[in-house]
Amino acid sequence: MFTRCWSFLLIYLGIIGHALSIYVFTRPKFRSNPCTHYFLASTICGAFVICVNTPLRLLLTGYNIDVLGYSIVTCKLLTFVLYWSKALASWFIALASIDR
């Protein structure tokens, strides 16, 4: 029960937070700053993780529905994309720090 409630709250707040970040980073005032592009890319990767990974984990842990278990190709591909997008969000923040 805790996993179900927590996951829905995480998805809801994550979508709102990432949408607000995308709104802020796409304002004309921030377009001249090169770090903004890195933060925007990191936000998009984070939104992808929230919108794809969290519902899949909710189905697996909250309802015992394994969406990835039906095909070995789908399982490996989606696992790679999800781990890559998580890492990519961190790398974009590191690149913004280096660029600064």
PDB file of N, CA and C in Angstrom:
ATOM      1  N   MET A   1       0.822  -1.193   0.000  1.00  0.00           N
ATOM      2  CA  MET A   1       0.000   0.000   0.000  1.00  0.00           C
ATOM      3  C   MET A   1       0.864   1.254   0.000  1.00  0.00           C
ATOM      4  N   PHE A   2       1.939   1.240   0.803  1.00  0.00           N
ATOM      5  CA  PHE A   2       2.831   2.392   0.873  1.00  0.00           C
ATOM      6  C   PHE A   2       3.470   2.676  -0.484  1.00  0.00           C
ATOM      7  N   THR A   3       3.895   1.623  -1.190  1.00  0.00           N
ATOM      8  CA  THR A   3       4.532   1.800  -2.496  1.00  0.00           C
ATOM      9  C   THR A   3       3.575   2.416  -3.490  1.00  0.00           C
ATOM     10  N   ARG A   4       2.340   1.985  -3.471  1.00  0.00           N
ATOM     11  CA  ARG A   4       1.348   2.525  -4.408  1.00  0.00           C
ATOM     12  C   ARG A   4       1.120   4.013  -4.169  1.00  0.00           C
ATOM     13  N   CYS A   5       0.884   4.401  -2.939  1.00  0.00           N
ATOM     14  CA  CYS A   5       0.631   5.820  -2.629  1.00  0.00           C
ATOM     15  C   CYS A   5       1.860   6.667  -2.900  1.00  0.00           C
ATOM     16  N   TRP A   6       3.009   6.189  -2.471  1.00  0.00           N
ATOM     17  CA  TRP A   6       4.236   6.947  -2.646  1.00  0.00           C
ATOM     18  C   TRP A   6       4.568   7.124  -4.132  1.00  0.00           C
ATOM     19  N   SER A   7       4.362   6.093  -4.932  1.00  0.00           N
ATOM     20  CA  SER A   7       4.671   6.183  -6.358  1.00  0.00           C
ATOM     21  C   SER A   7       3.765   7.181  -7.063  1.00  0.00           C
ATOM     22  N   PHE A   8       2.481   7.166  -6.741  1.00  0.00           N
ATOM     23  CA  PHE A   8       1.579   8.132  -7.367  1.00  0.00           C
ATOM     24  C   PHE A   8       1.941   9.561  -6.973  1.00  0.00           C
ATOM     25  N   LEU A   9       2.306   9.761  -5.718  1.00  0.00           N
ATOM     26  CA  LEU A   9       2.725  11.086  -5.264  1.00  0.00           C
ATOM     27  C   LEU A   9       4.018  11.510  -5.961  1.00  0.00           C
ATOM     28  N   LEU A  10       4.949  10.581  -6.101  1.00  0.00           N
ATOM     29  CA  LEU A  10       6.212  10.868  -6.771  1.00  0.00           C
ATOM     30  C   LEU A  10       5.996  11.225  -8.237  1.00  0.00           C
ATOM     31  N   ILE A  11       5.128  10.506  -8.916  1.00  0.00           N
ATOM     32  CA  ILE A  11       4.829  10.806 -10.320  1.00  0.00           C
ATOM     33  C   ILE A  11       4.179  12.177 -10.432  1.00  0.00           C
ATOM     34  N   TYR A  12       3.202  12.440  -9.595  1.00  0.00           N
ATOM     35  CA  TYR A  12       2.475  13.710  -9.640  1.00  0.00           C
ATOM     36  C   TYR A  12       3.403  14.895  -9.381  1.00  0.00           C
ATOM     37  N   LEU A  13       4.153  14.838  -8.297  1.00  0.00           N
ATOM     38  CA  LEU A  13       5.054  15.940  -7.963  1.00  0.00           C
ATOM     39  C   LEU A  13       6.218  16.044  -8.949  1.00  0.00           C
ATOM     40  N   GLY A  14       6.673  14.913  -9.459  1.00  0.00           N
ATOM     41  CA  GLY A  14       7.759  14.926 -10.438  1.00  0.00           C
ATOM     42  C   GLY A  14       7.358  15.583 -11.739  1.00  0.00           C
ATOM     43  N   ILE A  15       6.156  15.295 -12.204  1.00  0.00           N
ATOM     44  CA  ILE A  15       5.677  15.915 -13.441  1.00  0.00           C
ATOM     45  C   ILE A  15       5.512  17.418 -13.251  1.00  0.00           C
ATOM     46  N   ILE A  16       4.957  17.816 -12.119  1.00  0.00           N
ATOM     47  CA  ILE A  16       4.785  19.253 -11.855  1.00  0.00           C
ATOM     48  C   ILE A  16       6.150  19.945 -11.764  1.00  0.00           C
ATOM     49  N   GLY A  17       7.072  19.366 -11.036  1.00  0.00           N
ATOM     50  CA  GLY A  17       8.396  19.964 -10.876  1.00  0.00           C
ATOM     51  C   GLY A  17       9.167  20.064 -12.177  1.00  0.00           C
ATOM     52  N   HIS A  18       9.138  18.995 -12.969  1.00  0.00           N
ATOM     53  CA  HIS A  18       9.849  19.031 -14.243  1.00  0.00           C
ATOM     54  C   HIS A  18       9.173  19.973 -15.235  1.00  0.00           C
ATOM     55  N   ALA A  19       7.853  20.042 -15.210  1.00  0.00           N
ATOM     56  CA  ALA A  19       7.156  20.981 -16.099  1.00  0.00           C
ATOM     57  C   ALA A  19       7.508  22.423 -15.749  1.00  0.00           C
ATOM     58  N   LEU A  20       7.577  22.728 -14.463  1.00  0.00           N
ATOM     59  CA  LEU A  20       7.971  24.080 -14.052  1.00  0.00           C
ATOM     60  C   LEU A  20       9.422  24.381 -14.434  1.00  0.00           C
ATOM     61  N   SER A  21      10.290  23.402 -14.304  1.00  0.00           N
ATOM     62  CA  SER A  21      11.687  23.607 -14.699  1.00  0.00           C
ATOM     63  C   SER A  21      11.805  23.838 -16.201  1.00  0.00           C
ATOM     64  N   ILE A  22      11.063  23.077 -16.979  1.00  0.00           N
ATOM     65  CA  ILE A  22      11.077  23.279 -18.432  1.00  0.00           C
ATOM     66  C   ILE A  22      10.542  24.659 -18.772  1.00  0.00           C
ATOM     67  N   TYR A  23       9.501  25.078 -18.084  1.00  0.00           N
ATOM     68  CA  TYR A  23       8.945  26.414 -18.307  1.00  0.00           C
ATOM     69  C   TYR A  23       9.983  27.495 -18.006  1.00  0.00           C
ATOM     70  N   VAL A  24      10.689  27.358 -16.902  1.00  0.00           N
ATOM     71  CA  VAL A  24      11.679  28.368 -16.514  1.00  0.00           C
ATOM     72  C   VAL A  24      12.860  28.377 -17.483  1.00  0.00           C
ATOM     73  N   PHE A  25      13.371  27.206 -17.835  1.00  0.00           N
ATOM     74  CA  PHE A  25      14.571  27.148 -18.672  1.00  0.00           C
ATOM     75  C   PHE A  25      14.308  27.485 -20.136  1.00  0.00           C
ATOM     76  N   THR A  26      13.057  27.563 -20.548  1.00  0.00           N
ATOM     77  CA  THR A  26      12.764  27.950 -21.929  1.00  0.00           C
ATOM     78  C   THR A  26      12.404  29.421 -22.059  1.00  0.00           C
ATOM     79  N   ARG A  27      12.487  30.179 -20.989  1.00  0.00           N
ATOM     80  CA  ARG A  27      12.211  31.623 -21.050  1.00  0.00           C
ATOM     81  C   ARG A  27      13.309  32.321 -21.843  1.00  0.00           C
ATOM     82  N   PRO A  28      12.941  33.372 -22.598  1.00  0.00           N
ATOM     83  CA  PRO A  28      13.931  34.085 -23.413  1.00  0.00           C
ATOM     84  C   PRO A  28      15.085  34.681 -22.597  1.00  0.00           C
ATOM     85  N   LYS A  29      14.829  35.021 -21.353  1.00  0.00           N
ATOM     86  CA  LYS A  29      15.869  35.609 -20.505  1.00  0.00           C
ATOM     87  C   LYS A  29      17.039  34.648 -20.285  1.00  0.00           C
ATOM     88  N   PHE A  30      16.754  33.350 -20.226  1.00  0.00           N
ATOM     89  CA  PHE A  30      17.787  32.366 -19.927  1.00  0.00           C
ATOM     90  C   PHE A  30      18.410  31.733 -21.168  1.00  0.00           C
ATOM     91  N   ARG A  31      17.909  32.018 -22.355  1.00  0.00           N
ATOM     92  CA  ARG A  31      18.422  31.360 -23.557  1.00  0.00           C
ATOM     93  C   ARG A  31      19.855  31.751 -23.889  1.00  0.00           C
ATOM     94  N   SER A  32      20.285  32.912 -23.448  1.00  0.00           N
ATOM     95  CA  SER A  32      21.649  33.345 -23.762  1.00  0.00           C
ATOM     96  C   SER A  32      22.697  32.644 -22.896  1.00  0.00           C
ATOM     97  N   ASN A  33      22.296  32.076 -21.796  1.00  0.00           N
ATOM     98  CA  ASN A  33      23.216  31.379 -20.900  1.00  0.00           C
ATOM     99  C   ASN A  33      23.409  29.942 -21.385  1.00  0.00           C
ATOM    100  N   PRO A  34      24.648  29.529 -21.681  1.00  0.00           N
ATOM    101  CA  PRO A  34      24.852  28.166 -22.189  1.00  0.00           C
ATOM    102  C   PRO A  34      24.543  27.079 -21.156  1.00  0.00           C
ATOM    103  N   CYS A  35      24.647  27.385 -19.878  1.00  0.00           N
ATOM    104  CA  CYS A  35      24.338  26.381 -18.853  1.00  0.00           C
ATOM    105  C   CYS A  35      22.857  26.015 -18.850  1.00  0.00           C
ATOM    106  N   THR A  36      22.030  26.931 -19.316  1.00  0.00           N
ATOM    107  CA  THR A  36      20.593  26.670 -19.348  1.00  0.00           C
ATOM    108  C   THR A  36      20.269  25.478 -20.232  1.00  0.00           C
ATOM    109  N   HIS A  37      21.001  25.336 -21.326  1.00  0.00           N
ATOM    110  CA  HIS A  37      20.755  24.212 -22.235  1.00  0.00           C
ATOM    111  C   HIS A  37      21.060  22.876 -21.553  1.00  0.00           C
ATOM    112  N   TYR A  38      22.111  22.857 -20.761  1.00  0.00           N
ATOM    113  CA  TYR A  38      22.445  21.638 -20.023  1.00  0.00           C
ATOM    114  C   TYR A  38      21.380  21.315 -18.976  1.00  0.00           C
ATOM    115  N   PHE A  39      20.946  22.333 -18.254  1.00  0.00           N
ATOM    116  CA  PHE A  39      19.914  22.109 -17.240  1.00  0.00           C
ATOM    117  C   PHE A  39      18.584  21.700 -17.872  1.00  0.00           C
ATOM    118  N   LEU A  40      18.266  22.273 -19.022  1.00  0.00           N
ATOM    119  CA  LEU A  40      17.041  21.885 -19.724  1.00  0.00           C
ATOM    120  C   LEU A  40      17.119  20.430 -20.183  1.00  0.00           C
ATOM    121  N   ALA A  41      18.269  20.035 -20.720  1.00  0.00           N
ATOM    122  CA  ALA A  41      18.444  18.641 -21.139  1.00  0.00           C
ATOM    123  C   ALA A  41      18.366  17.695 -19.943  1.00  0.00           C
ATOM    124  N   SER A  42      18.937  18.097 -18.819  1.00  0.00           N
ATOM    125  CA  SER A  42      18.856  17.281 -17.611  1.00  0.00           C
ATOM    126  C   SER A  42      17.417  17.156 -17.126  1.00  0.00           C
ATOM    127  N   THR A  43      16.670  18.237 -17.219  1.00  0.00           N
ATOM    128  CA  THR A  43      15.265  18.217 -16.809  1.00  0.00           C
ATOM    129  C   THR A  43      14.446  17.301 -17.705  1.00  0.00           C
ATOM    130  N   ILE A  44      14.708  17.330 -19.001  1.00  0.00           N
ATOM    131  CA  ILE A  44      13.979  16.464 -19.930  1.00  0.00           C
ATOM    132  C   ILE A  44      14.297  14.998 -19.649  1.00  0.00           C
ATOM    133  N   CYS A  45      15.556  14.688 -19.382  1.00  0.00           N
ATOM    134  CA  CYS A  45      15.919  13.310 -19.024  1.00  0.00           C
ATOM    135  C   CYS A  45      15.249  12.881 -17.720  1.00  0.00           C
ATOM    136  N   GLY A  46      15.215  13.776 -16.755  1.00  0.00           N
ATOM    137  CA  GLY A  46      14.555  13.467 -15.485  1.00  0.00           C
ATOM    138  C   GLY A  46      13.061  13.263 -15.645  1.00  0.00           C
ATOM    139  N   ALA A  47      12.446  14.063 -16.509  1.00  0.00           N
ATOM    140  CA  ALA A  47      11.013  13.900 -16.767  1.00  0.00           C
ATOM    141  C   ALA A  47      10.738  12.563 -17.442  1.00  0.00           C
ATOM    142  N   PHE A  48      11.631  12.155 -18.340  1.00  0.00           N
ATOM    143  CA  PHE A  48      11.481  10.853 -18.988  1.00  0.00           C
ATOM    144  C   PHE A  48      11.550   9.731 -17.956  1.00  0.00           C
ATOM    145  N   VAL A  49      12.479   9.838 -17.039  1.00  0.00           N
ATOM    146  CA  VAL A  49      12.614   8.818 -15.994  1.00  0.00           C
ATOM    147  C   VAL A  49      11.365   8.777 -15.120  1.00  0.00           C
ATOM    148  N   ILE A  50      10.859   9.944 -14.738  1.00  0.00           N
ATOM    149  CA  ILE A  50       9.656   9.996 -13.896  1.00  0.00           C
ATOM    150  C   ILE A  50       8.447   9.430 -14.634  1.00  0.00           C
ATOM    151  N   CYS A  51       8.309   9.746 -15.907  1.00  0.00           N
ATOM    152  CA  CYS A  51       7.113   9.330 -16.653  1.00  0.00           C
ATOM    153  C   CYS A  51       7.163   7.888 -17.130  1.00  0.00           C
ATOM    154  N   VAL A  52       8.359   7.296 -17.246  1.00  0.00           N
ATOM    155  CA  VAL A  52       8.461   5.926 -17.751  1.00  0.00           C
ATOM    156  C   VAL A  52       8.886   4.955 -16.655  1.00  0.00           C
ATOM    157  N   ASN A  53       9.951   5.271 -15.950  1.00  0.00           N
ATOM    158  CA  ASN A  53      10.495   4.333 -14.971  1.00  0.00           C
ATOM    159  C   ASN A  53       9.585   4.156 -13.758  1.00  0.00           C
ATOM    160  N   THR A  54       9.080   5.246 -13.218  1.00  0.00           N
ATOM    161  CA  THR A  54       8.269   5.153 -12.004  1.00  0.00           C
ATOM    162  C   THR A  54       6.973   4.365 -12.221  1.00  0.00           C
ATOM    163  N   PRO A  55       6.226   4.589 -13.319  1.00  0.00           N
ATOM    164  CA  PRO A  55       5.044   3.737 -13.528  1.00  0.00           C
ATOM    165  C   PRO A  55       5.388   2.261 -13.727  1.00  0.00           C
ATOM    166  N   LEU A  56       6.513   1.983 -14.406  1.00  0.00           N
ATOM    167  CA  LEU A  56       6.907   0.584 -14.574  1.00  0.00           C
ATOM    168  C   LEU A  56       7.251  -0.056 -13.234  1.00  0.00           C
ATOM    169  N   ARG A  57       7.946   0.668 -12.382  1.00  0.00           N
ATOM    170  CA  ARG A  57       8.275   0.145 -11.052  1.00  0.00           C
ATOM    171  C   ARG A  57       7.030   0.033 -10.178  1.00  0.00           C
ATOM    172  N   LEU A  58       6.093   0.948 -10.357  1.00  0.00           N
ATOM    173  CA  LEU A  58       4.829   0.866  -9.622  1.00  0.00           C
ATOM    174  C   LEU A  58       4.067  -0.394 -10.009  1.00  0.00           C
ATOM    175  N   LEU A  59       4.010  -0.683 -11.298  1.00  0.00           N
ATOM    176  CA  LEU A  59       3.332  -1.901 -11.740  1.00  0.00           C
ATOM    177  C   LEU A  59       4.022  -3.150 -11.198  1.00  0.00           C
ATOM    178  N   LEU A  60       5.353  -3.127 -11.174  1.00  0.00           N
ATOM    179  CA  LEU A  60       6.093  -4.300 -10.727  1.00  0.00           C
ATOM    180  C   LEU A  60       5.985  -4.511  -9.219  1.00  0.00           C
ATOM    181  N   THR A  61       6.226  -3.473  -8.434  1.00  0.00           N
ATOM    182  CA  THR A  61       6.249  -3.654  -6.979  1.00  0.00           C
ATOM    183  C   THR A  61       4.883  -3.501  -6.326  1.00  0.00           C
ATOM    184  N   GLY A  62       4.018  -2.681  -6.906  1.00  0.00           N
ATOM    185  CA  GLY A  62       2.723  -2.433  -6.283  1.00  0.00           C
ATOM    186  C   GLY A  62       1.642  -3.403  -6.700  1.00  0.00           C
ATOM    187  N   TYR A  63       1.715  -3.858  -7.958  1.00  0.00           N
ATOM    188  CA  TYR A  63       0.637  -4.699  -8.479  1.00  0.00           C
ATOM    189  C   TYR A  63       1.118  -6.051  -9.007  1.00  0.00           C
ATOM    190  N   ASN A  64       2.412  -6.339  -8.894  1.00  0.00           N
ATOM    191  CA  ASN A  64       3.006  -7.596  -9.366  1.00  0.00           C
ATOM    192  C   ASN A  64       2.752  -7.852 -10.845  1.00  0.00           C
ATOM    193  N   ILE A  65       2.822  -6.802 -11.652  1.00  0.00           N
ATOM    194  CA  ILE A  65       2.690  -6.916 -13.102  1.00  0.00           C
ATOM    195  C   ILE A  65       4.050  -6.596 -13.699  1.00  0.00           C
ATOM    196  N   ASP A  66       4.686  -7.592 -14.307  1.00  0.00           N
ATOM    197  CA  ASP A  66       6.015  -7.404 -14.887  1.00  0.00           C
ATOM    198  C   ASP A  66       5.876  -7.116 -16.376  1.00  0.00           C
ATOM    199  N   VAL A  67       5.902  -5.852 -16.728  1.00  0.00           N
ATOM    200  CA  VAL A  67       5.746  -5.439 -18.121  1.00  0.00           C
ATOM    201  C   VAL A  67       6.982  -5.811 -18.929  1.00  0.00           C
ATOM    202  N   LEU A  68       8.144  -5.785 -18.306  1.00  0.00           N
ATOM    203  CA  LEU A  68       9.387  -6.053 -19.015  1.00  0.00           C
ATOM    204  C   LEU A  68       9.680  -7.538 -19.175  1.00  0.00           C
ATOM    205  N   GLY A  69       8.975  -8.394 -18.502  1.00  0.00           N
ATOM    206  CA  GLY A  69       9.286  -9.809 -18.505  1.00  0.00           C
ATOM    207  C   GLY A  69       8.771 -10.591 -19.694  1.00  0.00           C
ATOM    208  N   TYR A  70       8.021  -9.976 -20.570  1.00  0.00           N
ATOM    209  CA  TYR A  70       7.414 -10.709 -21.674  1.00  0.00           C
ATOM    210  C   TYR A  70       8.374 -10.941 -22.832  1.00  0.00           C
ATOM    211  N   SER A  71       9.296 -10.042 -23.057  1.00  0.00           N
ATOM    212  CA  SER A  71      10.229 -10.162 -24.166  1.00  0.00           C
ATOM    213  C   SER A  71      11.628  -9.818 -23.679  1.00  0.00           C
ATOM    214  N   ILE A  72      12.596 -10.647 -24.027  1.00  0.00           N
ATOM    215  CA  ILE A  72      13.969 -10.406 -23.592  1.00  0.00           C
ATOM    216  C   ILE A  72      14.539  -9.162 -24.268  1.00  0.00           C
ATOM    217  N   VAL A  73      14.154  -8.919 -25.524  1.00  0.00           N
ATOM    218  CA  VAL A  73      14.646  -7.740 -26.249  1.00  0.00           C
ATOM    219  C   VAL A  73      14.082  -6.471 -25.629  1.00  0.00           C
ATOM    220  N   THR A  74      12.788  -6.457 -25.363  1.00  0.00           N
ATOM    221  CA  THR A  74      12.163  -5.291 -24.742  1.00  0.00           C
ATOM    222  C   THR A  74      12.753  -5.038 -23.362  1.00  0.00           C
ATOM    223  N   CYS A  75      12.972  -6.086 -22.616  1.00  0.00           N
ATOM    224  CA  CYS A  75      13.533  -5.949 -21.271  1.00  0.00           C
ATOM    225  C   CYS A  75      14.918  -5.317 -21.323  1.00  0.00           C
ATOM    226  N   LYS A  76      15.775  -5.842 -22.178  1.00  0.00           N
ATOM    227  CA  LYS A  76      17.139  -5.321 -22.257  1.00  0.00           C
ATOM    228  C   LYS A  76      17.173  -3.908 -22.815  1.00  0.00           C
ATOM    229  N   LEU A  77      16.378  -3.641 -23.836  1.00  0.00           N
ATOM    230  CA  LEU A  77      16.379  -2.317 -24.453  1.00  0.00           C
ATOM    231  C   LEU A  77      15.847  -1.255 -23.498  1.00  0.00           C
ATOM    232  N   LEU A  78      14.731  -1.534 -22.865  1.00  0.00           N
ATOM    233  CA  LEU A  78      14.147  -0.555 -21.956  1.00  0.00           C
ATOM    234  C   LEU A  78      15.007  -0.361 -20.707  1.00  0.00           C
ATOM    235  N   THR A  79      15.608  -1.425 -20.220  1.00  0.00           N
ATOM    236  CA  THR A  79      16.511  -1.298 -19.079  1.00  0.00           C
ATOM    237  C   THR A  79      17.707  -0.425 -19.437  1.00  0.00           C
ATOM    238  N   PHE A  80      18.268  -0.636 -20.624  1.00  0.00           N
ATOM    239  CA  PHE A  80      19.386   0.193 -21.076  1.00  0.00           C
ATOM    240  C   PHE A  80      18.978   1.654 -21.201  1.00  0.00           C
ATOM    241  N   VAL A  81      17.837   1.921 -21.817  1.00  0.00           N
ATOM    242  CA  VAL A  81      17.383   3.301 -22.012  1.00  0.00           C
ATOM    243  C   VAL A  81      17.113   3.978 -20.670  1.00  0.00           C
ATOM    244  N   LEU A  82      16.512   3.275 -19.742  1.00  0.00           N
ATOM    245  CA  LEU A  82      16.213   3.874 -18.440  1.00  0.00           C
ATOM    246  C   LEU A  82      17.479   4.172 -17.640  1.00  0.00           C
ATOM    247  N   TYR A  83      18.417   3.230 -17.609  1.00  0.00           N
ATOM    248  CA  TYR A  83      19.668   3.499 -16.894  1.00  0.00           C
ATOM    249  C   TYR A  83      20.468   4.598 -17.581  1.00  0.00           C
ATOM    250  N   TRP A  84      20.456   4.607 -18.906  1.00  0.00           N
ATOM    251  CA  TRP A  84      21.179   5.627 -19.655  1.00  0.00           C
ATOM    252  C   TRP A  84      20.587   7.013 -19.398  1.00  0.00           C
ATOM    253  N   SER A  85      19.265   7.121 -19.366  1.00  0.00           N
ATOM    254  CA  SER A  85      18.653   8.434 -19.139  1.00  0.00           C
ATOM    255  C   SER A  85      18.889   8.922 -17.711  1.00  0.00           C
ATOM    256  N   LYS A  86      18.925   8.012 -16.742  1.00  0.00           N
ATOM    257  CA  LYS A  86      19.258   8.413 -15.368  1.00  0.00           C
ATOM    258  C   LYS A  86      20.682   8.957 -15.299  1.00  0.00           C
ATOM    259  N   ALA A  87      21.605   8.258 -15.936  1.00  0.00           N
ATOM    260  CA  ALA A  87      23.002   8.695 -15.923  1.00  0.00           C
ATOM    261  C   ALA A  87      23.183   9.972 -16.727  1.00  0.00           C
ATOM    262  N   LEU A  88      22.461  10.086 -17.820  1.00  0.00           N
ATOM    263  CA  LEU A  88      22.593  11.256 -18.685  1.00  0.00           C
ATOM    264  C   LEU A  88      22.169  12.532 -17.974  1.00  0.00           C
ATOM    265  N   ALA A  89      21.149  12.454 -17.147  1.00  0.00           N
ATOM    266  CA  ALA A  89      20.713  13.630 -16.389  1.00  0.00           C
ATOM    267  C   ALA A  89      21.834  14.125 -15.476  1.00  0.00           C
ATOM    268  N   SER A  90      22.530  13.220 -14.839  1.00  0.00           N
ATOM    269  CA  SER A  90      23.655  13.608 -13.976  1.00  0.00           C
ATOM    270  C   SER A  90      24.820  14.155 -14.789  1.00  0.00           C
ATOM    271  N   TRP A  91      25.061  13.564 -15.953  1.00  0.00           N
ATOM    272  CA  TRP A  91      26.153  14.044 -16.796  1.00  0.00           C
ATOM    273  C   TRP A  91      25.884  15.449 -17.320  1.00  0.00           C
ATOM    274  N   PHE A  92      24.641  15.763 -17.612  1.00  0.00           N
ATOM    275  CA  PHE A  92      24.326  17.118 -18.068  1.00  0.00           C
ATOM    276  C   PHE A  92      24.596  18.147 -16.969  1.00  0.00           C
ATOM    277  N   ILE A  93      24.315  17.805 -15.731  1.00  0.00           N
ATOM    278  CA  ILE A  93      24.608  18.719 -14.625  1.00  0.00           C
ATOM    279  C   ILE A  93      26.123  18.866 -14.456  1.00  0.00           C
ATOM    280  N   ALA A  94      26.857  17.771 -14.624  1.00  0.00           N
ATOM    281  CA  ALA A  94      28.319  17.855 -14.555  1.00  0.00           C
ATOM    282  C   ALA A  94      28.866  18.722 -15.689  1.00  0.00           C
ATOM    283  N   LEU A  95      28.303  18.594 -16.878  1.00  0.00           N
ATOM    284  CA  LEU A  95      28.735  19.426 -18.001  1.00  0.00           C
ATOM    285  C   LEU A  95      28.429  20.899 -17.761  1.00  0.00           C
ATOM    286  N   ALA A  96      27.304  21.187 -17.134  1.00  0.00           N
ATOM    287  CA  ALA A  96      26.983  22.577 -16.798  1.00  0.00           C
ATOM    288  C   ALA A  96      27.995  23.130 -15.800  1.00  0.00           C
ATOM    289  N   SER A  97      28.433  22.306 -14.866  1.00  0.00           N
ATOM    290  CA  SER A  97      29.442  22.744 -13.896  1.00  0.00           C
ATOM    291  C   SER A  97      30.778  23.006 -14.576  1.00  0.00           C
ATOM    292  N   ILE A  98      31.143  22.145 -15.512  1.00  0.00           N
ATOM    293  CA  ILE A  98      32.395  22.325 -16.243  1.00  0.00           C
ATOM    294  C   ILE A  98      32.322  23.561 -17.130  1.00  0.00           C
ATOM    295  N   ASP A  99      31.180  23.769 -17.765  1.00  0.00           N
ATOM    296  CA  ASP A  99      31.008  24.911 -18.658  1.00  0.00           C
ATOM    297  C   ASP A  99      31.025  26.224 -17.892  1.00  0.00           C
ATOM    298  N   ARG A 100      30.624  26.176 -16.673  1.00  0.00           N
ATOM    299  CA  ARG A 100      30.563  27.382 -15.845  1.00  0.00           C
ATOM    300  C   ARG A 100      31.961  27.817 -15.509  1.00  0.00           C
TER     301      ARG A 100
END
